[in-house]
Amino acid sequence: MATEKQSASAAPLPRSRRGIKGFFSEVGRELKRVNWPTRTETNRLTGVVLGVCLFAAVIISGLSWVSSIVVSLLTKGKVG
């Protein structure tokens, strides 16, 4: 039972190919396994993201407008 001690700071290298060529080979292999969305699904989800962003912008703008009125009333006593 011979045990080999590894340095505590050195991470063990994976058994797969090493180096830059091996890295890009593994990246290509992983990209082939990705389940890419269809164009229709991409367009629908893009619309959802843009809609949520627009909704958030309207809410934040409204809160900013209301808070500016409240601060103006508290400091000056008049709106405008």
Foldseek 3Di string as FASTA:
>chain_A
DDDDDDDPPDDDDDPFDDDPVRVVVVVVVVVVVDDDDDPVVVVVVVVVVVVVVVVVVVVVVVVVVVVVQVVCCVPPVDGD
